[in-house]
Amino acid sequence: QQAGDLSPGIAGVSAAVFADDGQEAQ
């Protein structure tokens, strides 16, 4: 909570959430 702006550290990194294993693989 004290780290401030973390956007430079995650530049080029993306995340995705899937409902199940099949959607994850697809």
PDB file of all heavy atoms in Angstrom:
ATOM      1  N   GLN A   1       0.824  -1.217   0.000  1.00  0.00           N
ATOM      2  CA  GLN A   1       0.000   0.000   0.000  1.00  0.00           C
ATOM      3  C   GLN A   1       0.852   1.259   0.000  1.00  0.00           C
ATOM      4  O   GLN A   1       0.349   2.349  -0.273  1.00  0.00           O
ATOM      5  CB  GLN A   1      -0.923  -0.005   1.227  1.00  0.00           C
ATOM      6  CG  GLN A   1      -1.891  -1.175   1.256  1.00  0.00           C
ATOM      7  CD  GLN A   1      -2.731  -1.189   2.516  1.00  0.00           C
ATOM      8  OE1 GLN A   1      -2.454  -0.450   3.456  1.00  0.00           O
ATOM      9  NE2 GLN A   1      -3.755  -2.030   2.534  1.00  0.00           N
ATOM     10  N   GLN A   2       2.124   1.124   0.316  1.00  0.00           N
ATOM     11  CA  GLN A   2       3.012   2.282   0.372  1.00  0.00           C
ATOM     12  C   GLN A   2       3.881   2.403  -0.876  1.00  0.00           C
ATOM     13  O   GLN A   2       4.714   3.299  -0.965  1.00  0.00           O
ATOM     14  CB  GLN A   2       3.916   2.176   1.611  1.00  0.00           C
ATOM     15  CG  GLN A   2       3.158   1.947   2.915  1.00  0.00           C
ATOM     16  CD  GLN A   2       4.075   1.476   4.034  1.00  0.00           C
ATOM     17  OE1 GLN A   2       5.291   1.396   3.863  1.00  0.00           O
ATOM     18  NE2 GLN A   2       3.488   1.161   5.193  1.00  0.00           N
ATOM     19  N   ALA A   3       3.695   1.502  -1.824  1.00  0.00           N
ATOM     20  CA  ALA A   3       4.596   1.449  -2.974  1.00  0.00           C
ATOM     21  C   ALA A   3       4.356   2.553  -3.989  1.00  0.00           C
ATOM     22  O   ALA A   3       5.232   2.868  -4.782  1.00  0.00           O
ATOM     23  CB  ALA A   3       4.476   0.089  -3.661  1.00  0.00           C
ATOM     24  N   GLY A   4       3.176   3.134  -3.975  1.00  0.00           N
ATOM     25  CA  GLY A   4       2.885   4.187  -4.937  1.00  0.00           C
ATOM     26  C   GLY A   4       2.575   3.644  -6.321  1.00  0.00           C
ATOM     27  O   GLY A   4       1.975   2.572  -6.470  1.00  0.00           O
ATOM     28  N   ASP A   5       3.012   4.370  -7.357  1.00  0.00           N
ATOM     29  CA  ASP A   5       2.721   4.002  -8.732  1.00  0.00           C
ATOM     30  C   ASP A   5       3.591   2.818  -9.158  1.00  0.00           C
ATOM     31  O   ASP A   5       4.814   2.906  -9.203  1.00  0.00           O
ATOM     32  CB  ASP A   5       2.976   5.198  -9.645  1.00  0.00           C
ATOM     33  CG  ASP A   5       2.604   4.899 -11.091  1.00  0.00           C
ATOM     34  OD1 ASP A   5       1.894   3.893 -11.322  1.00  0.00           O
ATOM     35  OD2 ASP A   5       3.020   5.659 -11.982  1.00  0.00           O
ATOM     36  N   LEU A   6       2.940   1.691  -9.473  1.00  0.00           N
ATOM     37  CA  LEU A   6       3.662   0.486  -9.879  1.00  0.00           C
ATOM     38  C   LEU A   6       3.637   0.261 -11.389  1.00  0.00           C
ATOM     39  O   LEU A   6       4.152  -0.746 -11.867  1.00  0.00           O
ATOM     40  CB  LEU A   6       3.051  -0.751  -9.189  1.00  0.00           C
ATOM     41  CG  LEU A   6       3.130  -0.776  -7.665  1.00  0.00           C
ATOM     42  CD1 LEU A   6       2.399  -2.000  -7.127  1.00  0.00           C
ATOM     43  CD2 LEU A   6       4.572  -0.782  -7.193  1.00  0.00           C
ATOM     44  N   SER A   7       3.039   1.183 -12.116  1.00  0.00           N
ATOM     45  CA  SER A   7       2.887   0.983 -13.560  1.00  0.00           C
ATOM     46  C   SER A   7       4.219   0.800 -14.293  1.00  0.00           C
ATOM     47  O   SER A   7       4.289  -0.004 -15.229  1.00  0.00           O
ATOM     48  CB  SER A   7       2.089   2.136 -14.175  1.00  0.00           C
ATOM     49  OG  SER A   7       2.691   3.388 -13.889  1.00  0.00           O
ATOM     50  N   PRO A   8       5.321   1.493 -13.922  1.00  0.00           N
ATOM     51  CA  PRO A   8       6.579   1.233 -14.636  1.00  0.00           C
ATOM     52  C   PRO A   8       7.065  -0.208 -14.468  1.00  0.00           C
ATOM     53  O   PRO A   8       7.696  -0.760 -15.365  1.00  0.00           O
ATOM     54  CB  PRO A   8       7.562   2.225 -13.997  1.00  0.00           C
ATOM     55  CG  PRO A   8       6.709   3.310 -13.450  1.00  0.00           C
ATOM     56  CD  PRO A   8       5.463   2.626 -12.977  1.00  0.00           C
ATOM     57  N   GLY A   9       6.758  -0.821 -13.333  1.00  0.00           N
ATOM     58  CA  GLY A   9       7.224  -2.175 -13.087  1.00  0.00           C
ATOM     59  C   GLY A   9       6.441  -3.238 -13.821  1.00  0.00           C
ATOM     60  O   GLY A   9       6.930  -4.351 -14.010  1.00  0.00           O
ATOM     61  N   ILE A  10       5.215  -2.902 -14.226  1.00  0.00           N
ATOM     62  CA  ILE A  10       4.388  -3.901 -14.918  1.00  0.00           C
ATOM     63  C   ILE A  10       4.140  -3.501 -16.369  1.00  0.00           C
ATOM     64  O   ILE A  10       3.220  -4.020 -17.006  1.00  0.00           O
ATOM     65  CB  ILE A  10       3.049  -4.105 -14.184  1.00  0.00           C
ATOM     66  CG1 ILE A  10       2.288  -2.777 -14.062  1.00  0.00           C
ATOM     67  CG2 ILE A  10       3.270  -4.715 -12.819  1.00  0.00           C
ATOM     68  CD1 ILE A  10       0.917  -2.941 -13.434  1.00  0.00           C
ATOM     69  N   ALA A  11       4.971  -2.614 -16.882  1.00  0.00           N
ATOM     70  CA  ALA A  11       4.844  -2.228 -18.284  1.00  0.00           C
ATOM     71  C   ALA A  11       5.060  -3.443 -19.173  1.00  0.00           C
ATOM     72  O   ALA A  11       6.031  -4.188 -19.015  1.00  0.00           O
ATOM     73  CB  ALA A  11       5.857  -1.136 -18.624  1.00  0.00           C
ATOM     74  N   GLY A  12       4.126  -3.680 -20.087  1.00  0.00           N
ATOM     75  CA  GLY A  12       4.228  -4.821 -20.978  1.00  0.00           C
ATOM     76  C   GLY A  12       3.692  -6.114 -20.407  1.00  0.00           C
ATOM     77  O   GLY A  12       3.746  -7.155 -21.061  1.00  0.00           O
ATOM     78  N   VAL A  13       3.172  -6.076 -19.184  1.00  0.00           N
ATOM     79  CA  VAL A  13       2.606  -7.260 -18.540  1.00  0.00           C
ATOM     80  C   VAL A  13       1.087  -7.155 -18.570  1.00  0.00           C
ATOM     81  O   VAL A  13       0.524  -6.110 -18.253  1.00  0.00           O
ATOM     82  CB  VAL A  13       3.092  -7.392 -17.080  1.00  0.00           C
ATOM     83  CG1 VAL A  13       2.432  -8.580 -16.395  1.00  0.00           C
ATOM     84  CG2 VAL A  13       4.607  -7.522 -17.042  1.00  0.00           C
ATOM     85  N   SER A  14       0.412  -8.220 -18.954  1.00  0.00           N
ATOM     86  CA  SER A  14      -1.046  -8.241 -18.978  1.00  0.00           C
ATOM     87  C   SER A  14      -1.548  -9.432 -18.185  1.00  0.00           C
ATOM     88  O   SER A  14      -0.813 -10.401 -17.964  1.00  0.00           O
ATOM     89  CB  SER A  14      -1.568  -8.309 -20.420  1.00  0.00           C
ATOM     90  OG  SER A  14      -1.083  -9.478 -21.062  1.00  0.00           O
ATOM     91  N   ALA A  15      -2.779  -9.364 -17.738  1.00  0.00           N
ATOM     92  CA  ALA A  15      -3.369 -10.447 -16.955  1.00  0.00           C
ATOM     93  C   ALA A  15      -4.745 -10.763 -17.517  1.00  0.00           C
ATOM     94  O   ALA A  15      -5.423  -9.903 -18.092  1.00  0.00           O
ATOM     95  CB  ALA A  15      -3.472 -10.046 -15.483  1.00  0.00           C
ATOM     96  N   ALA A  16      -5.164 -12.006 -17.367  1.00  0.00           N
ATOM     97  CA  ALA A  16      -6.476 -12.435 -17.843  1.00  0.00           C
ATOM     98  C   ALA A  16      -7.066 -13.410 -16.838  1.00  0.00           C
ATOM     99  O   ALA A  16      -6.333 -14.198 -16.225  1.00  0.00           O
ATOM    100  CB  ALA A  16      -6.361 -13.087 -19.222  1.00  0.00           C
ATOM    101  N   VAL A  17      -8.375 -13.357 -16.660  1.00  0.00           N
ATOM    102  CA  VAL A  17      -9.094 -14.251 -15.755  1.00  0.00           C
ATOM    103  C   VAL A  17     -10.081 -15.063 -16.581  1.00  0.00           C
ATOM    104  O   VAL A  17     -10.860 -14.495 -17.361  1.00  0.00           O
ATOM    105  CB  VAL A  17      -9.838 -13.461 -14.655  1.00  0.00           C
ATOM    106  CG1 VAL A  17     -10.595 -14.412 -13.738  1.00  0.00           C
ATOM    107  CG2 VAL A  17      -8.852 -12.624 -13.853  1.00  0.00           C
ATOM    108  N   PHE A  18     -10.058 -16.398 -16.415  1.00  0.00           N
ATOM    109  CA  PHE A  18     -10.920 -17.280 -17.194  1.00  0.00           C
ATOM    110  C   PHE A  18     -11.842 -18.043 -16.262  1.00  0.00           C
ATOM    111  O   PHE A  18     -11.526 -18.286 -15.087  1.00  0.00           O
ATOM    112  CB  PHE A  18     -10.077 -18.261 -18.005  1.00  0.00           C
ATOM    113  CG  PHE A  18      -9.116 -17.598 -18.974  1.00  0.00           C
ATOM    114  CD1 PHE A  18      -7.774 -17.451 -18.653  1.00  0.00           C
ATOM    115  CD2 PHE A  18      -9.567 -17.108 -20.191  1.00  0.00           C
ATOM    116  CE1 PHE A  18      -6.900 -16.837 -19.520  1.00  0.00           C
ATOM    117  CE2 PHE A  18      -8.694 -16.491 -21.074  1.00  0.00           C
ATOM    118  CZ  PHE A  18      -7.362 -16.361 -20.744  1.00  0.00           C
ATOM    119  N   ALA A  19     -12.972 -18.449 -16.816  1.00  0.00           N
ATOM    120  CA  ALA A  19     -13.997 -19.110 -16.010  1.00  0.00           C
ATOM    121  C   ALA A  19     -13.637 -20.551 -15.689  1.00  0.00           C
ATOM    122  O   ALA A  19     -13.964 -21.059 -14.622  1.00  0.00           O
ATOM    123  CB  ALA A  19     -15.350 -19.057 -16.725  1.00  0.00           C
ATOM    124  N   ASP A  20     -12.954 -21.241 -16.603  1.00  0.00           N
ATOM    125  CA  ASP A  20     -12.619 -22.640 -16.370  1.00  0.00           C
ATOM    126  C   ASP A  20     -11.359 -22.998 -17.152  1.00  0.00           C
ATOM    127  O   ASP A  20     -10.788 -22.172 -17.875  1.00  0.00           O
ATOM    128  CB  ASP A  20     -13.788 -23.563 -16.773  1.00  0.00           C
ATOM    129  CG  ASP A  20     -14.267 -23.314 -18.194  1.00  0.00           C
ATOM    130  OD1 ASP A  20     -13.418 -23.159 -19.088  1.00  0.00           O
ATOM    131  OD2 ASP A  20     -15.493 -23.266 -18.407  1.00  0.00           O
ATOM    132  N   ASP A  21     -10.955 -24.264 -17.021  1.00  0.00           N
ATOM    133  CA  ASP A  21      -9.713 -24.711 -17.667  1.00  0.00           C
ATOM    134  C   ASP A  21      -9.798 -24.639 -19.191  1.00  0.00           C
ATOM    135  O   ASP A  21      -8.815 -24.314 -19.862  1.00  0.00           O
ATOM    136  CB  ASP A  21      -9.399 -26.146 -17.240  1.00  0.00           C
ATOM    137  CG  ASP A  21      -9.091 -26.252 -15.758  1.00  0.00           C
ATOM    138  OD1 ASP A  21      -8.804 -25.202 -15.156  1.00  0.00           O
ATOM    139  OD2 ASP A  21      -9.135 -27.366 -15.212  1.00  0.00           O
ATOM    140  N   GLY A  22     -10.964 -24.946 -19.728  1.00  0.00           N
ATOM    141  CA  GLY A  22     -11.117 -24.906 -21.176  1.00  0.00           C
ATOM    142  C   GLY A  22     -10.937 -23.507 -21.731  1.00  0.00           C
ATOM    143  O   GLY A  22     -10.256 -23.304 -22.750  1.00  0.00           O
ATOM    144  N   GLN A  23     -11.561 -22.525 -21.077  1.00  0.00           N
ATOM    145  CA  GLN A  23     -11.418 -21.140 -21.529  1.00  0.00           C
ATOM    146  C   GLN A  23      -9.977 -20.663 -21.367  1.00  0.00           C
ATOM    147  O   GLN A  23      -9.470 -19.896 -22.195  1.00  0.00           O
ATOM    148  CB  GLN A  23     -12.351 -20.237 -20.744  1.00  0.00           C
ATOM    149  CG  GLN A  23     -13.814 -20.358 -21.126  1.00  0.00           C
ATOM    150  CD  GLN A  23     -14.659 -19.261 -20.493  1.00  0.00           C
ATOM    151  OE1 GLN A  23     -14.122 -18.283 -19.984  1.00  0.00           O
ATOM    152  NE2 GLN A  23     -15.974 -19.438 -20.535  1.00  0.00           N
ATOM    153  N   GLU A  24      -9.317 -21.107 -20.309  1.00  0.00           N
ATOM    154  CA  GLU A  24      -7.929 -20.709 -20.095  1.00  0.00           C
ATOM    155  C   GLU A  24      -7.043 -21.192 -21.242  1.00  0.00           C
ATOM    156  O   GLU A  24      -6.254 -20.424 -21.800  1.00  0.00           O
ATOM    157  CB  GLU A  24      -7.434 -21.286 -18.768  1.00  0.00           C
ATOM    158  CG  GLU A  24      -5.988 -20.922 -18.453  1.00  0.00           C
ATOM    159  CD  GLU A  24      -5.489 -21.596 -17.188  1.00  0.00           C
ATOM    160  OE1 GLU A  24      -6.076 -22.629 -16.800  1.00  0.00           O
ATOM    161  OE2 GLU A  24      -4.507 -21.106 -16.603  1.00  0.00           O
ATOM    162  N   ALA A  25      -7.182 -22.458 -21.614  1.00  0.00           N
ATOM    163  CA  ALA A  25      -6.376 -22.990 -22.706  1.00  0.00           C
ATOM    164  C   ALA A  25      -6.710 -22.300 -24.022  1.00  0.00           C
ATOM    165  O   ALA A  25      -5.811 -21.982 -24.819  1.00  0.00           O
ATOM    166  CB  ALA A  25      -6.598 -24.497 -22.826  1.00  0.00           C
ATOM    167  N   GLN A  26      -8.000 -22.065 -24.259  1.00  0.00           N
ATOM    168  CA  GLN A  26      -8.403 -21.407 -25.504  1.00  0.00           C
ATOM    169  C   GLN A  26      -7.870 -19.981 -25.569  1.00  0.00           C
ATOM    170  O   GLN A  26      -7.395 -19.531 -26.623  1.00  0.00           O
ATOM    171  CB  GLN A  26      -9.933 -21.400 -25.612  1.00  0.00           C
ATOM    172  CG  GLN A  26     -10.476 -20.926 -26.943  1.00  0.00           C
ATOM    173  CD  GLN A  26     -10.252 -21.938 -28.059  1.00  0.00           C
ATOM    174  OE1 GLN A  26      -9.972 -23.107 -27.783  1.00  0.00           O
ATOM    175  NE2 GLN A  26     -10.362 -21.499 -29.300  1.00  0.00           N
TER     176      GLN A  26
END
